[in-house]
N, C-alpha and C. Protein backbone atom coordinates (compact mmCIF):
# COMPACT_ATOMS: atom_id res chain seq x y z
N MET A 1 112.27 53.93 77.87
CA MET A 1 111.28 54.99 77.86
C MET A 1 111.52 55.89 79.08
N PRO A 2 111.61 57.22 78.88
CA PRO A 2 111.85 58.13 79.99
C PRO A 2 110.67 58.17 80.96
N THR A 3 110.99 58.37 82.21
CA THR A 3 109.97 58.51 83.24
C THR A 3 110.16 59.88 83.88
N THR A 4 109.22 60.77 83.67
CA THR A 4 109.31 62.12 84.21
C THR A 4 108.75 62.13 85.63
N LEU A 5 109.54 62.69 86.55
CA LEU A 5 109.08 62.82 87.93
C LEU A 5 108.21 64.07 88.07
N THR A 6 107.16 63.95 88.83
CA THR A 6 106.29 65.10 89.10
C THR A 6 106.96 65.96 90.17
N PRO A 7 106.55 67.24 90.28
CA PRO A 7 107.10 68.07 91.35
C PRO A 7 106.90 67.45 92.74
N ALA A 8 105.76 66.81 92.96
CA ALA A 8 105.50 66.17 94.26
C ALA A 8 106.47 65.02 94.50
N GLN A 9 106.76 64.24 93.44
CA GLN A 9 107.71 63.13 93.57
C GLN A 9 109.12 63.64 93.85
N ILE A 10 109.50 64.73 93.20
CA ILE A 10 110.84 65.29 93.43
C ILE A 10 110.95 65.81 94.86
N GLU A 11 109.93 66.49 95.34
CA GLU A 11 109.96 66.97 96.72
C GLU A 11 110.04 65.80 97.70
N ALA A 12 109.29 64.74 97.44
CA ALA A 12 109.34 63.55 98.31
C ALA A 12 110.72 62.91 98.25
N LEU A 13 111.33 62.88 97.07
CA LEU A 13 112.67 62.32 96.90
C LEU A 13 113.69 63.12 97.71
N VAL A 14 113.60 64.44 97.63
CA VAL A 14 114.51 65.31 98.39
C VAL A 14 114.34 65.07 99.89
N GLN A 15 113.10 65.01 100.35
CA GLN A 15 112.84 64.80 101.78
C GLN A 15 113.34 63.43 102.23
N ALA A 16 113.09 62.40 101.43
CA ALA A 16 113.51 61.04 101.80
C ALA A 16 115.03 60.92 101.84
N ASN A 17 115.70 61.52 100.85
CA ASN A 17 117.17 61.46 100.84
C ASN A 17 117.77 62.24 101.99
N ALA A 18 117.21 63.39 102.29
CA ALA A 18 117.71 64.18 103.42
C ALA A 18 117.53 63.40 104.72
N ALA A 19 116.39 62.77 104.89
CA ALA A 19 116.14 61.97 106.09
C ALA A 19 117.09 60.79 106.17
N ALA A 20 117.31 60.12 105.05
CA ALA A 20 118.20 58.95 105.03
C ALA A 20 119.63 59.33 105.39
N LEU A 21 120.03 60.54 105.00
CA LEU A 21 121.40 61.01 105.27
C LEU A 21 121.51 61.79 106.58
N GLY A 22 120.38 62.01 107.23
CA GLY A 22 120.40 62.77 108.48
C GLY A 22 120.68 64.25 108.26
N LEU A 23 120.25 64.78 107.12
CA LEU A 23 120.48 66.19 106.79
C LEU A 23 119.22 67.01 107.04
N ARG A 24 119.44 68.21 107.52
CA ARG A 24 118.33 69.16 107.63
C ARG A 24 118.49 70.16 106.50
N ILE A 25 117.44 70.36 105.74
CA ILE A 25 117.47 71.37 104.68
C ILE A 25 116.68 72.57 105.19
N ALA A 26 117.36 73.69 105.33
CA ALA A 26 116.71 74.90 105.82
C ALA A 26 115.59 75.29 104.85
N ALA A 27 114.51 75.84 105.41
CA ALA A 27 113.35 76.20 104.60
C ALA A 27 113.72 77.12 103.44
N GLU A 28 114.65 78.05 103.68
CA GLU A 28 115.03 78.99 102.62
C GLU A 28 115.88 78.33 101.53
N HIS A 29 116.45 77.17 101.82
CA HIS A 29 117.27 76.45 100.82
C HIS A 29 116.48 75.40 100.05
N LYS A 30 115.36 75.00 100.61
CA LYS A 30 114.58 73.90 100.00
C LYS A 30 114.18 74.18 98.55
N PRO A 31 113.68 75.37 98.20
CA PRO A 31 113.33 75.61 96.79
C PRO A 31 114.53 75.44 95.84
N GLY A 32 115.70 75.87 96.26
CA GLY A 32 116.89 75.72 95.43
C GLY A 32 117.30 74.27 95.28
N VAL A 33 117.20 73.50 96.36
CA VAL A 33 117.54 72.07 96.30
C VAL A 33 116.57 71.36 95.37
N ILE A 34 115.30 71.66 95.49
CA ILE A 34 114.29 71.04 94.62
C ILE A 34 114.52 71.44 93.16
N ALA A 35 114.87 72.70 92.93
CA ALA A 35 115.15 73.15 91.56
C ALA A 35 116.35 72.41 90.98
N PHE A 36 117.40 72.20 91.78
CA PHE A 36 118.57 71.48 91.28
C PHE A 36 118.24 70.03 90.99
N VAL A 37 117.51 69.37 91.88
CA VAL A 37 117.15 67.96 91.65
C VAL A 37 116.27 67.84 90.40
N THR A 38 115.39 68.81 90.18
CA THR A 38 114.56 68.83 88.98
C THR A 38 115.44 68.94 87.74
N LEU A 39 116.43 69.84 87.78
CA LEU A 39 117.37 70.01 86.67
C LEU A 39 118.16 68.72 86.43
N ALA A 40 118.69 68.14 87.50
CA ALA A 40 119.48 66.92 87.38
C ALA A 40 118.64 65.76 86.84
N ALA A 41 117.40 65.66 87.27
CA ALA A 41 116.51 64.60 86.77
C ALA A 41 116.26 64.76 85.28
N GLY A 42 116.11 66.00 84.83
CA GLY A 42 115.93 66.26 83.40
C GLY A 42 117.16 65.87 82.60
N MET A 43 118.35 66.18 83.14
CA MET A 43 119.59 65.80 82.45
C MET A 43 119.73 64.28 82.40
N ALA A 44 119.42 63.63 83.50
CA ALA A 44 119.52 62.17 83.55
C ALA A 44 118.58 61.52 82.54
N GLU A 45 117.40 62.09 82.40
CA GLU A 45 116.43 61.56 81.45
C GLU A 45 116.98 61.63 80.02
N ARG A 46 117.64 62.75 79.69
CA ARG A 46 118.23 62.89 78.35
C ARG A 46 119.37 61.90 78.14
N VAL A 47 120.23 61.75 79.13
CA VAL A 47 121.36 60.83 79.02
C VAL A 47 120.86 59.40 78.88
N MET A 48 119.92 59.01 79.71
CA MET A 48 119.42 57.64 79.68
C MET A 48 118.65 57.34 78.39
N GLY A 49 118.18 58.38 77.70
CA GLY A 49 117.45 58.20 76.46
C GLY A 49 118.34 57.96 75.25
N GLN A 50 119.65 58.11 75.42
CA GLN A 50 120.58 57.91 74.30
C GLN A 50 120.93 56.44 74.13
N GLU A 51 120.97 56.01 72.88
CA GLU A 51 121.37 54.63 72.60
C GLU A 51 122.88 54.55 72.63
N LEU A 52 123.40 53.43 73.11
CA LEU A 52 124.84 53.23 73.18
C LEU A 52 125.29 52.32 72.04
N GLY A 53 126.49 52.60 71.55
CA GLY A 53 127.08 51.77 70.51
C GLY A 53 128.26 51.00 71.08
N ILE A 54 128.91 50.24 70.22
CA ILE A 54 130.05 49.43 70.64
C ILE A 54 131.19 50.30 71.18
N GLU A 55 131.31 51.53 70.68
CA GLU A 55 132.39 52.42 71.12
C GLU A 55 132.14 53.01 72.51
N ASP A 56 130.93 52.92 72.98
CA ASP A 56 130.54 53.50 74.27
C ASP A 56 130.82 52.50 75.38
N GLU A 57 132.05 52.52 75.86
CA GLU A 57 132.48 51.54 76.85
C GLU A 57 132.27 52.06 78.27
N SER A 58 132.10 51.15 79.17
CA SER A 58 131.99 51.50 80.58
C SER A 58 133.34 51.97 81.08
N GLY A 59 133.35 53.04 81.85
CA GLY A 59 134.60 53.52 82.43
C GLY A 59 135.14 52.57 83.49
N ALA A 60 134.27 51.75 84.06
CA ALA A 60 134.70 50.84 85.12
C ALA A 60 135.42 49.61 84.56
N VAL A 61 135.10 49.24 83.34
CA VAL A 61 135.71 48.05 82.73
C VAL A 61 136.16 48.45 81.33
N PHE A 62 137.46 48.70 81.17
CA PHE A 62 137.97 49.12 79.87
C PHE A 62 138.36 47.92 79.03
N VAL A 63 137.75 47.81 77.87
CA VAL A 63 138.11 46.79 76.89
C VAL A 63 138.30 47.52 75.57
N PRO A 64 139.53 47.55 75.03
CA PRO A 64 139.76 48.29 73.79
C PRO A 64 138.89 47.77 72.65
N VAL A 65 138.43 48.69 71.82
CA VAL A 65 137.64 48.35 70.64
C VAL A 65 138.32 48.99 69.45
N SER A 66 138.50 48.24 68.37
CA SER A 66 139.10 48.79 67.16
C SER A 66 138.18 49.86 66.58
N PRO A 67 138.77 50.93 66.03
CA PRO A 67 137.94 51.95 65.39
C PRO A 67 137.15 51.34 64.24
N ARG A 68 136.02 51.92 63.92
CA ARG A 68 135.19 51.42 62.82
C ARG A 68 135.97 51.44 61.52
N GLY A 69 135.76 50.41 60.71
CA GLY A 69 136.35 50.36 59.39
C GLY A 69 137.78 49.84 59.36
N THR A 70 138.31 49.40 60.48
CA THR A 70 139.67 48.85 60.49
C THR A 70 139.62 47.42 60.98
N ALA A 71 140.59 46.66 60.54
CA ALA A 71 140.67 45.26 60.98
C ALA A 71 141.21 45.19 62.39
N PRO A 72 140.79 44.18 63.17
CA PRO A 72 141.29 44.05 64.55
C PRO A 72 142.77 43.72 64.62
């Protein structure tokens, strides 16, 4: 089930990540950074909402799978 972040949560996330990385975000750049994180969170929500099938393999561990309808 998707979890939508509120604008306040996204701003807190940006501030916490900047602090953890020791980054200063200039006041004039902050709205753009927040807009990008909002966009990225929306994309992540769509990706995470997709069901995976047997053909959807992890890039980190490649295990060949026979195409559908063919014998192994």
